[in-house]
Amino acid sequence: MVVPLDEARPAPAVAHSDLRRQHTTLEMIAMENTDPATGDPR
């Protein structure tokens, strides 16, 4: 069964804010797991 793209795609605003929040969280985790002096992962 083929689903029209318009129906398969979530509302852009919601999807974008979700991705943004996810990316920010990943960045924070990455920073916490990185040695600030050398930039090496811990």
N, C-alpha and C. Protein backbone atom coordinates (compact mmCIF):
# COMPACT_ATOMS: atom_id res chain seq x y z
N MET A 1 0.85 -1.20 0.00
CA MET A 1 0.00 0.00 0.00
C MET A 1 0.88 1.25 0.00
N VAL A 2 0.55 2.17 -0.86
CA VAL A 2 1.33 3.40 -0.96
C VAL A 2 0.67 4.50 -0.13
N VAL A 3 1.44 5.10 0.75
CA VAL A 3 0.91 6.19 1.58
C VAL A 3 1.33 7.51 0.97
N PRO A 4 0.39 8.41 0.69
CA PRO A 4 0.76 9.73 0.15
C PRO A 4 1.75 10.44 1.09
N LEU A 5 2.71 11.12 0.52
CA LEU A 5 3.74 11.79 1.32
C LEU A 5 3.14 12.73 2.36
N ASP A 6 2.11 13.47 1.96
CA ASP A 6 1.50 14.44 2.86
C ASP A 6 0.99 13.78 4.14
N GLU A 7 0.47 12.55 4.00
CA GLU A 7 -0.07 11.87 5.18
C GLU A 7 1.03 11.23 6.01
N ALA A 8 2.09 10.80 5.35
CA ALA A 8 3.18 10.11 6.05
C ALA A 8 4.05 11.09 6.83
N ARG A 9 4.07 12.32 6.39
CA ARG A 9 4.97 13.31 7.00
C ARG A 9 4.27 14.01 8.17
N PRO A 10 4.92 14.08 9.34
CA PRO A 10 4.33 14.80 10.47
C PRO A 10 4.35 16.31 10.22
N ALA A 11 3.63 17.04 11.03
CA ALA A 11 3.61 18.49 10.89
C ALA A 11 5.04 19.02 11.00
N PRO A 12 5.49 19.83 10.04
CA PRO A 12 6.88 20.28 10.00
C PRO A 12 7.34 20.96 11.29
N ALA A 13 6.50 21.81 11.86
CA ALA A 13 6.91 22.55 13.06
C ALA A 13 7.21 21.58 14.21
N VAL A 14 6.34 20.60 14.38
CA VAL A 14 6.52 19.64 15.47
C VAL A 14 7.78 18.81 15.24
N ALA A 15 7.91 18.29 14.02
CA ALA A 15 9.07 17.45 13.71
C ALA A 15 10.36 18.25 13.90
N HIS A 16 10.36 19.51 13.48
CA HIS A 16 11.58 20.31 13.56
C HIS A 16 11.97 20.56 15.01
N SER A 17 11.01 20.93 15.84
CA SER A 17 11.33 21.22 17.24
C SER A 17 11.81 19.95 17.95
N ASP A 18 11.21 18.81 17.59
CA ASP A 18 11.65 17.53 18.17
C ASP A 18 13.08 17.24 17.79
N LEU A 19 13.41 17.41 16.51
CA LEU A 19 14.78 17.16 16.05
C LEU A 19 15.74 18.12 16.73
N ARG A 20 15.31 19.36 16.86
CA ARG A 20 16.16 20.37 17.48
C ARG A 20 16.48 19.98 18.92
N ARG A 21 15.44 19.56 19.66
CA ARG A 21 15.63 19.18 21.06
C ARG A 21 16.54 17.96 21.16
N GLN A 22 16.33 17.00 20.26
CA GLN A 22 17.14 15.79 20.27
C GLN A 22 18.60 16.15 19.99
N HIS A 23 18.82 17.04 19.02
CA HIS A 23 20.18 17.42 18.65
C HIS A 23 20.86 18.14 19.81
N THR A 24 20.14 19.04 20.46
CA THR A 24 20.70 19.77 21.59
C THR A 24 21.11 18.82 22.70
N THR A 25 20.24 17.84 22.97
CA THR A 25 20.54 16.86 24.03
C THR A 25 21.80 16.08 23.65
N LEU A 26 21.89 15.64 22.41
CA LEU A 26 23.06 14.88 21.97
C LEU A 26 24.32 15.73 22.09
N GLU A 27 24.20 17.02 21.76
CA GLU A 27 25.37 17.91 21.87
C GLU A 27 25.81 18.03 23.33
N MET A 28 24.84 18.16 24.23
CA MET A 28 25.18 18.28 25.66
C MET A 28 25.86 17.01 26.15
N ILE A 29 25.33 15.86 25.73
CA ILE A 29 25.94 14.58 26.14
C ILE A 29 27.36 14.50 25.57
N ALA A 30 27.52 14.91 24.32
CA ALA A 30 28.84 14.86 23.69
C ALA A 30 29.82 15.75 24.44
N MET A 31 29.37 16.93 24.85
CA MET A 31 30.26 17.85 25.58
C MET A 31 30.63 17.29 26.94
N GLU A 32 29.66 16.67 27.60
CA GLU A 32 29.94 16.10 28.92
C GLU A 32 30.94 14.95 28.82
N ASN A 33 30.92 14.26 27.67
CA ASN A 33 31.79 13.10 27.51
C ASN A 33 33.09 13.45 26.80
N THR A 34 33.37 14.75 26.70
CA THR A 34 34.59 15.18 26.02
C THR A 34 35.47 15.94 26.99
N ASP A 35 36.76 15.66 26.93
CA ASP A 35 37.72 16.38 27.77
C ASP A 35 37.91 17.77 27.18
N PRO A 36 37.53 18.84 27.87
CA PRO A 36 37.62 20.19 27.30
C PRO A 36 39.04 20.59 26.92
N ALA A 37 40.04 20.08 27.61
CA ALA A 37 41.42 20.48 27.34
C ALA A 37 41.91 19.94 26.00
N THR A 38 41.58 18.69 25.71
CA THR A 38 42.11 18.07 24.50
C THR A 38 41.05 17.83 23.44
N GLY A 39 39.77 17.84 23.83
CA GLY A 39 38.71 17.54 22.88
C GLY A 39 38.58 16.04 22.65
N ASP A 40 39.30 15.24 23.42
CA ASP A 40 39.23 13.79 23.26
C ASP A 40 38.03 13.23 24.00
N PRO A 41 37.39 12.22 23.42
CA PRO A 41 36.29 11.56 24.15
C PRO A 41 36.81 10.90 25.41
N ARG A 42 36.00 10.89 26.46
CA ARG A 42 36.42 10.27 27.72
C ARG A 42 36.11 8.79 27.70
